[in-house]
Each structure stands twice: as structure tokens, then as C-alpha cells.
Amino acid sequence: MRNVSSRDLRRLLEPGHLHVGEALDRLGPNVLTDLAANAHVQAVAEGEILEAEGTIGQKVGYLLDGALAMVKRLPDGREHTVGLLLPTDLFGRLTGDAAPHRLVAVAKSRVLFFDREAFDMLLSDHPDLERLFLVSVLDELDAARDWILMLSGTRVIERVATFLAMLARRQDAYGSAEASPPIQVRLPVSRKHAANVLSVRPESLSRALHALSDLGVIRIMDPATFEIPDLDALLAASSEDPVRGD
């Protein structure tokens, strides 16, 4: 755990998140100083629980590196991953409500934490900072829609293709003006965790990846890295499913 300066804060928040960078430019030096005064960076080990289901968190977090899974326990005891947080995602409930899910690191991660009450007061005092927070909330809603779309796929290959497309967009490879196909995507978690996220068996995930490779819409560079020659072709191929079972 280490505290951050206002210069550190700007450096940590800007990479890979154009909307946050634009919002930061509108903040005065005093706002960044106040924000940094209530912030610290913490390394999180894989498997570490950051927030237990049903508890009231005292922090707001901004994921810098790694991946966090939102895990929901059902009344019958089964557990489902209901979301995956990736770098530039913001989490934490300013309302003080109990967390509806468990938040657990599924990869070695690094998080920028803010004190929840101090962060809430700063939002009230500084409209430009509130705009930055609202932009992150809107990004979270977009991610939730993508997540619903992915899990609505009844075929394994459909889920895997959608997941890879989501990662391509999140890693700012496809949408960047400087980037051009082929796009290279890296799994943010192990294949075991990725299979759990997709609600499929690890062997089904492996078969789906090789099926997409056989169709020519991805190239497997190594077990965690994939090249996508054409994102539209990848999404179109998701309707062809030689892989059965989940």
C-alpha cells in the first residue's frame, strides 16, 4: 500500500481511458490534491476478497491492473460470476448499501483506492469530478450490457467469440485510431478462470478457441494470446458452432 501525489494520480488515471483524461483536464490543481489526499495504491493477490457479499464497503476502487470477478451466491448455494472488472473500471457503492456480490481478484491486481465518504464529499463539492464519476458509471452500464449479451449466447463458441470481441474493445485495440487489424488480445485471467466467467467447462473453452482458429477468425499465438484479423468476421462466426456442451 502506498499513498499517491496529485501528479501520481493523473499518471495512474489517464492511460487507456480517454474520457477520464478529458475530465481530469477540467479539474483544478486543488481538486486533484484533495482527491490524492484520500487515495492509495494497493497490490492485490489472486484469490484475495476485496469485498464480501452483504457487507458495506468503506472504499471506492479504480482498477489499474489485473481482473476482479463479481460473484453472486444463489439461494440454493450455487455461485455465478455476474461480471468481470478490468483496468479502468470503477467499483464501490457511494450510497452505503450492502454489496450485492462478492468481489474477488481472479488475477494479480493493483487497485487505486479512495475513502468512500471523502470521495462522496468531493463529488458534491466539485461538479467536474462528479462528471468523471458519472462517465465511469456509464462505462460500467455499457460493460453490463455486453456481459448480458455474452451470457445470452446458447452456444459455447458464441460466448467465446463475444468475450474475445469484448476484450478487443476494452483493450482499445480495435477502436484506436492508431490501431489496425490484426488485433492482438490477451486473456486477463487464466483459462480456468475464463471458463468459469463464461459458465463453460475448461475443455469446452479450449475446443471453442481451436474451432475459431480452424474457421480462420482468430490465430492462437500462445495459450493466453490471440490475434483477430477481422472483428466482424469473428462475431459472424459465432453463429457457427461445431462445439457442443457447456
C-alpha atoms as a PDB file:
ATOM      1  CA  MET A   1       0.000   0.000   0.000  1.00  0.00           C
ATOM      2  CA  ARG A   2       1.334   3.449  -0.853  1.00  0.00           C
ATOM      3  CA  ASN A   3      -0.080   6.956  -0.888  1.00  0.00           C
ATOM      4  CA  VAL A   4      -0.123   8.986  -4.107  1.00  0.00           C
ATOM      5  CA  SER A   5       0.542  12.595  -5.057  1.00  0.00           C
ATOM      6  CA  SER A   6      -1.661  14.612  -7.404  1.00  0.00           C
ATOM      7  CA  ARG A   7       0.934  14.062 -10.156  1.00  0.00           C
ATOM      8  CA  ASP A   8       0.872  10.313  -9.479  1.00  0.00           C
ATOM      9  CA  LEU A   9      -2.924  10.385  -9.568  1.00  0.00           C
ATOM     10  CA  ARG A  10      -3.054  11.943 -13.027  1.00  0.00           C
ATOM     11  CA  ARG A  11      -0.452   9.489 -14.318  1.00  0.00           C
ATOM     12  CA  LEU A  12      -2.362   6.491 -12.912  1.00  0.00           C
ATOM     13  CA  LEU A  13      -5.799   7.512 -14.169  1.00  0.00           C
ATOM     14  CA  GLU A  14      -5.067   8.698 -17.686  1.00  0.00           C
ATOM     15  CA  PRO A  15      -3.664   5.642 -19.537  1.00  0.00           C
ATOM     16  CA  GLY A  16      -6.239   3.764 -21.621  1.00  0.00           C
ATOM     17  CA  HIS A  17      -9.198   5.890 -20.558  1.00  0.00           C
ATOM     18  CA  LEU A  18      -9.750   8.893 -22.828  1.00  0.00           C
ATOM     19  CA  HIS A  19     -12.913  10.089 -21.048  1.00  0.00           C
ATOM     20  CA  VAL A  20     -11.156  10.185 -17.674  1.00  0.00           C
ATOM     21  CA  GLY A  21      -8.229  12.044 -19.204  1.00  0.00           C
ATOM     22  CA  GLU A  22     -10.597  14.672 -20.616  1.00  0.00           C
ATOM     23  CA  ALA A  23     -12.355  15.047 -17.260  1.00  0.00           C
ATOM     24  CA  LEU A  24      -9.051  15.370 -15.411  1.00  0.00           C
ATOM     25  CA  ASP A  25      -8.092  18.279 -17.662  1.00  0.00           C
ATOM     26  CA  ARG A  26     -11.104  20.189 -16.294  1.00  0.00           C
ATOM     27  CA  LEU A  27     -10.131  19.670 -12.660  1.00  0.00           C
ATOM     28  CA  GLY A  28      -8.185  22.384 -10.891  1.00  0.00           C
ATOM     29  CA  PRO A  29      -4.915  21.532  -9.074  1.00  0.00           C
ATOM     30  CA  ASN A  30      -6.650  21.857  -5.701  1.00  0.00           C
ATOM     31  CA  VAL A  31      -9.221  19.203  -6.661  1.00  0.00           C
ATOM     32  CA  LEU A  32      -6.518  16.731  -7.699  1.00  0.00           C
ATOM     33  CA  THR A  33      -4.667  17.468  -4.469  1.00  0.00           C
ATOM     34  CA  ASP A  34      -7.791  16.793  -2.373  1.00  0.00           C
ATOM     35  CA  LEU A  35      -8.514  13.624  -4.350  1.00  0.00           C
ATOM     36  CA  ALA A  36      -4.944  12.359  -3.976  1.00  0.00           C
ATOM     37  CA  ALA A  37      -5.000  13.050  -0.240  1.00  0.00           C
ATOM     38  CA  ASN A  38      -7.667  10.350   0.148  1.00  0.00           C
ATOM     39  CA  ALA A  39      -6.098   7.826  -2.224  1.00  0.00           C
ATOM     40  CA  HIS A  40      -3.638   4.960  -2.004  1.00  0.00           C
ATOM     41  CA  VAL A  41      -2.475   2.176  -4.299  1.00  0.00           C
ATOM     42  CA  GLN A  42      -2.729  -1.422  -3.105  1.00  0.00           C
ATOM     43  CA  ALA A  43      -1.435  -4.654  -4.618  1.00  0.00           C
ATOM     44  CA  VAL A  44      -3.986  -7.486  -4.516  1.00  0.00           C
ATOM     45  CA  ALA A  45      -3.071 -11.168  -4.728  1.00  0.00           C
ATOM     46  CA  GLU A  46      -5.049 -13.608  -6.869  1.00  0.00           C
ATOM     47  CA  GLY A  47      -7.845 -15.106  -4.776  1.00  0.00           C
ATOM     48  CA  GLU A  48      -7.998 -12.184  -2.353  1.00  0.00           C
ATOM     49  CA  ILE A  49     -11.514 -10.987  -1.495  1.00  0.00           C
ATOM     50  CA  LEU A  50     -11.808  -7.219  -1.692  1.00  0.00           C
ATOM     51  CA  GLU A  51     -15.439  -7.030  -0.649  1.00  0.00           C
ATOM     52  CA  ALA A  52     -17.678  -9.718   0.839  1.00  0.00           C
ATOM     53  CA  GLU A  53     -21.272 -10.105  -0.259  1.00  0.00           C
ATOM     54  CA  GLY A  54     -23.659  -8.349   2.126  1.00  0.00           C
ATOM     55  CA  THR A  55     -21.024  -6.026   3.629  1.00  0.00           C
ATOM     56  CA  ILE A  56     -20.861  -2.243   3.398  1.00  0.00           C
ATOM     57  CA  GLY A  57     -17.597  -1.180   1.784  1.00  0.00           C
ATOM     58  CA  GLN A  58     -15.701   1.842   3.023  1.00  0.00           C
ATOM     59  CA  LYS A  59     -13.734   2.414  -0.175  1.00  0.00           C
ATOM     60  CA  VAL A  60     -14.202   3.266  -3.825  1.00  0.00           C
ATOM     61  CA  GLY A  61     -11.753   1.458  -6.088  1.00  0.00           C
ATOM     62  CA  TYR A  62     -10.319   2.087  -9.555  1.00  0.00           C
ATOM     63  CA  LEU A  63      -8.718  -0.985 -11.108  1.00  0.00           C
ATOM     64  CA  LEU A  64      -5.277  -0.228 -12.512  1.00  0.00           C
ATOM     65  CA  ASP A  65      -4.082  -3.754 -13.409  1.00  0.00           C
ATOM     66  CA  GLY A  66      -5.431  -7.306 -13.232  1.00  0.00           C
ATOM     67  CA  ALA A  67      -9.023  -8.523 -13.067  1.00  0.00           C
ATOM     68  CA  LEU A  68     -11.747  -8.754 -10.412  1.00  0.00           C
ATOM     69  CA  ALA A  69     -14.767 -11.061 -10.558  1.00  0.00           C
ATOM     70  CA  MET A  70     -18.177 -10.191  -9.152  1.00  0.00           C
ATOM     71  CA  VAL A  71     -19.515 -13.451  -7.709  1.00  0.00           C
ATOM     72  CA  LYS A  72     -23.136 -13.897  -6.617  1.00  0.00           C
ATOM     73  CA  ARG A  73     -24.312 -16.721  -4.344  1.00  0.00           C
ATOM     74  CA  LEU A  74     -27.775 -18.044  -5.218  1.00  0.00           C
ATOM     75  CA  PRO A  75     -30.300 -19.236  -2.600  1.00  0.00           C
ATOM     76  CA  ASP A  76     -29.557 -22.873  -3.486  1.00  0.00           C
ATOM     77  CA  GLY A  77     -25.856 -22.385  -2.711  1.00  0.00           C
ATOM     78  CA  ARG A  78     -24.610 -22.214  -6.292  1.00  0.00           C
ATOM     79  CA  GLU A  79     -22.337 -19.336  -7.271  1.00  0.00           C
ATOM     80  CA  HIS A  80     -22.265 -17.392 -10.523  1.00  0.00           C
ATOM     81  CA  THR A  81     -19.821 -14.840 -11.860  1.00  0.00           C
ATOM     82  CA  VAL A  82     -22.057 -11.908 -12.778  1.00  0.00           C
ATOM     83  CA  GLY A  83     -19.370  -9.559 -14.047  1.00  0.00           C
ATOM     84  CA  LEU A  84     -15.674  -9.078 -14.643  1.00  0.00           C
ATOM     85  CA  LEU A  85     -13.910  -5.825 -13.781  1.00  0.00           C
ATOM     86  CA  LEU A  86     -10.925  -4.905 -15.945  1.00  0.00           C
ATOM     87  CA  PRO A  87      -8.466  -1.983 -15.829  1.00  0.00           C
ATOM     88  CA  THR A  88     -10.136   1.477 -15.809  1.00  0.00           C
ATOM     89  CA  ASP A  89     -13.271   0.060 -14.109  1.00  0.00           C
ATOM     90  CA  LEU A  90     -14.507   1.863 -11.003  1.00  0.00           C
ATOM     91  CA  PHE A  91     -16.243  -0.012  -8.194  1.00  0.00           C
ATOM     92  CA  GLY A  92     -17.790   0.715  -4.800  1.00  0.00           C
ATOM     93  CA  ARG A  93     -21.199   1.928  -3.651  1.00  0.00           C
ATOM     94  CA  LEU A  94     -21.340   5.563  -2.532  1.00  0.00           C
ATOM     95  CA  THR A  95     -24.829   5.036  -1.103  1.00  0.00           C
ATOM     96  CA  GLY A  96     -23.504   2.849   1.697  1.00  0.00           C
ATOM     97  CA  ASP A  97     -25.726  -0.059   0.638  1.00  0.00           C
ATOM     98  CA  ALA A  98     -24.575  -3.620   1.234  1.00  0.00           C
ATOM     99  CA  ALA A  99     -22.639  -5.208  -1.616  1.00  0.00           C
ATOM    100  CA  PRO A 100     -24.890  -7.476  -3.739  1.00  0.00           C
ATOM    101  CA  HIS A 101     -21.973  -9.743  -4.644  1.00  0.00           C
ATOM    102  CA  ARG A 102     -18.513 -10.831  -3.576  1.00  0.00           C
ATOM    103  CA  LEU A 103     -15.598  -9.073  -5.252  1.00  0.00           C
ATOM    104  CA  VAL A 104     -12.557 -11.322  -5.649  1.00  0.00           C
ATOM    105  CA  ALA A 105      -9.295 -10.952  -7.556  1.00  0.00           C
ATOM    106  CA  VAL A 106      -9.009 -13.562 -10.314  1.00  0.00           C
ATOM    107  CA  ALA A 107      -5.541 -12.350 -11.285  1.00  0.00           C
ATOM    108  CA  LYS A 108      -2.753 -10.490  -9.572  1.00  0.00           C
ATOM    109  CA  SER A 109      -4.106  -6.929  -9.465  1.00  0.00           C
ATOM    110  CA  ARG A 110      -3.355  -3.368  -8.480  1.00  0.00           C
ATOM    111  CA  VAL A 111      -6.097  -1.030  -7.256  1.00  0.00           C
ATOM    112  CA  LEU A 112      -6.279   2.697  -6.617  1.00  0.00           C
ATOM    113  CA  PHE A 113      -8.496   3.118  -3.542  1.00  0.00           C
ATOM    114  CA  PHE A 114     -10.304   6.215  -2.274  1.00  0.00           C
ATOM    115  CA  ASP A 115     -12.002   6.665   1.082  1.00  0.00           C
ATOM    116  CA  ARG A 116     -15.723   6.354   0.287  1.00  0.00           C
ATOM    117  CA  GLU A 117     -17.039   9.185   2.475  1.00  0.00           C
ATOM    118  CA  ALA A 118     -14.274  11.606   1.456  1.00  0.00           C
ATOM    119  CA  PHE A 119     -14.828  10.712  -2.214  1.00  0.00           C
ATOM    120  CA  ASP A 120     -18.568  11.326  -1.875  1.00  0.00           C
ATOM    121  CA  MET A 121     -17.942  14.768  -0.318  1.00  0.00           C
ATOM    122  CA  LEU A 122     -15.547  15.690  -3.121  1.00  0.00           C
ATOM    123  CA  LEU A 123     -18.184  14.729  -5.709  1.00  0.00           C
ATOM    124  CA  SER A 124     -20.659  17.070  -4.036  1.00  0.00           C
ATOM    125  CA  ASP A 125     -18.168  19.936  -3.913  1.00  0.00           C
ATOM    126  CA  HIS A 126     -16.728  19.590  -7.432  1.00  0.00           C
ATOM    127  CA  PRO A 127     -19.129  19.114 -10.392  1.00  0.00           C
ATOM    128  CA  ASP A 128     -16.281  18.272 -12.790  1.00  0.00           C
ATOM    129  CA  LEU A 129     -15.192  15.431 -10.532  1.00  0.00           C
ATOM    130  CA  GLU A 130     -18.796  14.238 -10.393  1.00  0.00           C
ATOM    131  CA  ARG A 131     -18.799  14.183 -14.204  1.00  0.00           C
ATOM    132  CA  LEU A 132     -15.707  11.954 -14.160  1.00  0.00           C
ATOM    133  CA  PHE A 133     -17.509   9.543 -11.847  1.00  0.00           C
ATOM    134  CA  LEU A 134     -20.664   9.553 -13.986  1.00  0.00           C
ATOM    135  CA  VAL A 135     -18.619   8.766 -17.110  1.00  0.00           C
ATOM    136  CA  SER A 136     -17.241   5.705 -15.324  1.00  0.00           C
ATOM    137  CA  VAL A 137     -20.756   4.664 -14.284  1.00  0.00           C
ATOM    138  CA  LEU A 138     -21.920   4.900 -17.903  1.00  0.00           C
ATOM    139  CA  ASP A 139     -18.947   2.779 -18.985  1.00  0.00           C
ATOM    140  CA  GLU A 140     -19.992   0.234 -16.356  1.00  0.00           C
ATOM    141  CA  LEU A 141     -23.529   0.130 -17.792  1.00  0.00           C
ATOM    142  CA  ASP A 142     -22.126  -0.468 -21.280  1.00  0.00           C
ATOM    143  CA  ALA A 143     -19.994  -3.299 -19.908  1.00  0.00           C
ATOM    144  CA  ALA A 144     -23.043  -4.807 -18.188  1.00  0.00           C
ATOM    145  CA  ARG A 145     -24.944  -4.815 -21.489  1.00  0.00           C
ATOM    146  CA  ASP A 146     -22.022  -6.561 -23.187  1.00  0.00           C
ATOM    147  CA  TRP A 147     -21.949  -9.084 -20.342  1.00  0.00           C
ATOM    148  CA  ILE A 148     -25.648  -9.875 -20.728  1.00  0.00           C
ATOM    149  CA  LEU A 149     -25.158 -10.298 -24.473  1.00  0.00           C
ATOM    150  CA  MET A 150     -22.266 -12.676 -23.917  1.00  0.00           C
ATOM    151  CA  LEU A 151     -24.060 -14.885 -21.398  1.00  0.00           C
ATOM    152  CA  SER A 152     -27.213 -14.942 -23.528  1.00  0.00           C
ATOM    153  CA  GLY A 153     -25.318 -16.985 -26.087  1.00  0.00           C
ATOM    154  CA  THR A 154     -26.603 -20.568 -26.010  1.00  0.00           C
ATOM    155  CA  ARG A 155     -23.552 -21.886 -27.852  1.00  0.00           C
ATOM    156  CA  VAL A 156     -20.068 -22.140 -26.388  1.00  0.00           C
ATOM    157  CA  ILE A 157     -18.394 -20.684 -29.456  1.00  0.00           C
ATOM    158  CA  GLU A 158     -20.813 -17.746 -29.394  1.00  0.00           C
ATOM    159  CA  ARG A 159     -19.859 -16.859 -25.824  1.00  0.00           C
ATOM    160  CA  VAL A 160     -16.144 -17.208 -26.518  1.00  0.00           C
ATOM    161  CA  ALA A 161     -16.326 -15.091 -29.696  1.00  0.00           C
ATOM    162  CA  THR A 162     -18.275 -12.369 -27.866  1.00  0.00           C
ATOM    163  CA  PHE A 163     -15.827 -12.462 -24.937  1.00  0.00           C
ATOM    164  CA  LEU A 164     -12.832 -12.009 -27.252  1.00  0.00           C
ATOM    165  CA  ALA A 165     -14.613  -9.148 -29.019  1.00  0.00           C
ATOM    166  CA  MET A 166     -15.310  -7.504 -25.654  1.00  0.00           C
ATOM    167  CA  LEU A 167     -11.637  -7.783 -24.722  1.00  0.00           C
ATOM    168  CA  ALA A 168     -10.606  -6.306 -28.064  1.00  0.00           C
ATOM    169  CA  ARG A 169     -12.755  -3.254 -27.439  1.00  0.00           C
ATOM    170  CA  ARG A 170     -11.695  -2.927 -23.808  1.00  0.00           C
ATOM    171  CA  GLN A 171      -8.023  -3.097 -24.648  1.00  0.00           C
ATOM    172  CA  ASP A 172      -8.581  -0.187 -27.053  1.00  0.00           C
ATOM    173  CA  ALA A 173      -7.022  -2.154 -29.870  1.00  0.00           C
ATOM    174  CA  TYR A 174      -9.850  -2.115 -32.385  1.00  0.00           C
ATOM    175  CA  GLY A 175     -11.248   1.329 -31.676  1.00  0.00           C
ATOM    176  CA  SER A 176      -7.923   3.176 -31.553  1.00  0.00           C
ATOM    177  CA  ALA A 177      -7.205   5.464 -34.484  1.00  0.00           C
ATOM    178  CA  GLU A 178      -3.618   4.266 -34.452  1.00  0.00           C
ATOM    179  CA  ALA A 179      -4.507   0.588 -34.411  1.00  0.00           C
ATOM    180  CA  SER A 180      -5.212  -1.514 -37.479  1.00  0.00           C
ATOM    181  CA  PRO A 181      -6.057  -5.187 -37.900  1.00  0.00           C
ATOM    182  CA  PRO A 182      -4.923  -7.708 -36.932  1.00  0.00           C
ATOM    183  CA  ILE A 183      -5.839  -7.027 -33.310  1.00  0.00           C
ATOM    184  CA  GLN A 184      -3.953  -8.841 -30.582  1.00  0.00           C
ATOM    185  CA  VAL A 185      -5.955  -9.764 -27.481  1.00  0.00           C
ATOM    186  CA  ARG A 186      -4.650 -11.296 -24.272  1.00  0.00           C
ATOM    187  CA  LEU A 187      -6.802 -13.084 -21.710  1.00  0.00           C
ATOM    188  CA  PRO A 188      -6.766 -11.053 -18.474  1.00  0.00           C
ATOM    189  CA  VAL A 189      -7.234 -14.249 -16.422  1.00  0.00           C
ATOM    190  CA  SER A 190      -6.191 -17.884 -16.628  1.00  0.00           C
ATOM    191  CA  ARG A 191      -8.116 -20.218 -18.952  1.00  0.00           C
ATOM    192  CA  LYS A 192      -9.623 -21.862 -15.862  1.00  0.00           C
ATOM    193  CA  HIS A 193     -10.980 -18.523 -14.644  1.00  0.00           C
ATOM    194  CA  ALA A 194     -12.055 -17.563 -18.170  1.00  0.00           C
ATOM    195  CA  ALA A 195     -14.083 -20.780 -18.434  1.00  0.00           C
ATOM    196  CA  ASN A 196     -15.745 -20.015 -15.106  1.00  0.00           C
ATOM    197  CA  VAL A 197     -16.544 -16.474 -16.258  1.00  0.00           C
ATOM    198  CA  LEU A 198     -18.168 -17.896 -19.403  1.00  0.00           C
ATOM    199  CA  SER A 199     -20.007 -20.646 -17.471  1.00  0.00           C
ATOM    200  CA  VAL A 200     -18.408 -23.389 -19.575  1.00  0.00           C
ATOM    201  CA  ARG A 201     -16.010 -26.231 -18.862  1.00  0.00           C
ATOM    202  CA  PRO A 202     -12.291 -25.531 -19.476  1.00  0.00           C
ATOM    203  CA  GLU A 203     -12.165 -28.241 -22.142  1.00  0.00           C
ATOM    204  CA  SER A 204     -15.178 -26.674 -23.917  1.00  0.00           C
ATOM    205  CA  LEU A 205     -13.399 -23.302 -23.890  1.00  0.00           C
ATOM    206  CA  SER A 206     -10.304 -24.899 -25.416  1.00  0.00           C
ATOM    207  CA  ARG A 207     -12.350 -26.609 -28.142  1.00  0.00           C
ATOM    208  CA  ALA A 208     -14.150 -23.355 -28.953  1.00  0.00           C
ATOM    209  CA  LEU A 209     -10.871 -21.470 -29.295  1.00  0.00           C
ATOM    210  CA  HIS A 210      -9.488 -24.112 -31.652  1.00  0.00           C
ATOM    211  CA  ALA A 211     -12.764 -24.108 -33.606  1.00  0.00           C
ATOM    212  CA  LEU A 212     -12.489 -20.339 -34.074  1.00  0.00           C
ATOM    213  CA  SER A 213      -8.896 -20.856 -35.170  1.00  0.00           C
ATOM    214  CA  ASP A 214      -9.973 -23.521 -37.677  1.00  0.00           C
ATOM    215  CA  LEU A 215     -12.538 -21.059 -39.071  1.00  0.00           C
ATOM    216  CA  GLY A 216      -9.717 -18.568 -39.587  1.00  0.00           C
ATOM    217  CA  VAL A 217     -11.231 -15.817 -37.453  1.00  0.00           C
ATOM    218  CA  ILE A 218      -8.531 -15.978 -34.742  1.00  0.00           C
ATOM    219  CA  ARG A 219      -4.937 -17.094 -34.582  1.00  0.00           C
ATOM    220  CA  ILE A 220      -3.717 -18.695 -31.346  1.00  0.00           C
ATOM    221  CA  MET A 221      -0.350 -17.113 -30.553  1.00  0.00           C
ATOM    222  CA  ASP A 222       0.018 -18.802 -27.161  1.00  0.00           C
ATOM    223  CA  PRO A 223      -2.471 -20.168 -24.574  1.00  0.00           C
ATOM    224  CA  ALA A 224      -3.413 -16.642 -23.467  1.00  0.00           C
ATOM    225  CA  THR A 225      -2.819 -14.518 -26.585  1.00  0.00           C
ATOM    226  CA  PHE A 226      -4.941 -14.386 -29.724  1.00  0.00           C
ATOM    227  CA  GLU A 227      -4.783 -12.422 -32.946  1.00  0.00           C
ATOM    228  CA  ILE A 228      -8.032 -11.243 -34.550  1.00  0.00           C
ATOM    229  CA  PRO A 229      -7.679 -10.436 -38.268  1.00  0.00           C
ATOM    230  CA  ASP A 230     -11.252  -9.111 -38.564  1.00  0.00           C
ATOM    231  CA  LEU A 231     -13.537  -8.405 -35.616  1.00  0.00           C
ATOM    232  CA  ASP A 232     -16.714  -8.504 -37.729  1.00  0.00           C
ATOM    233  CA  ALA A 233     -15.744 -11.933 -39.064  1.00  0.00           C
ATOM    234  CA  LEU A 234     -15.208 -13.153 -35.505  1.00  0.00           C
ATOM    235  CA  LEU A 235     -18.700 -12.049 -34.469  1.00  0.00           C
ATOM    236  CA  ALA A 236     -20.257 -13.516 -37.613  1.00  0.00           C
ATOM    237  CA  ALA A 237     -18.531 -16.850 -36.978  1.00  0.00           C
ATOM    238  CA  SER A 238     -20.127 -17.079 -33.559  1.00  0.00           C
ATOM    239  CA  SER A 239     -23.304 -18.385 -35.202  1.00  0.00           C
ATOM    240  CA  GLU A 240     -21.441 -21.460 -36.450  1.00  0.00           C
ATOM    241  CA  ASP A 241     -20.960 -23.847 -33.579  1.00  0.00           C
ATOM    242  CA  PRO A 242     -19.111 -27.125 -34.005  1.00  0.00           C
ATOM    243  CA  VAL A 243     -18.612 -27.203 -30.216  1.00  0.00           C
ATOM    244  CA  ARG A 244     -21.298 -28.817 -28.110  1.00  0.00           C
ATOM    245  CA  GLY A 245     -21.791 -28.962 -24.372  1.00  0.00           C
ATOM    246  CA  ASP A 246     -21.011 -26.490 -21.609  1.00  0.00           C
END
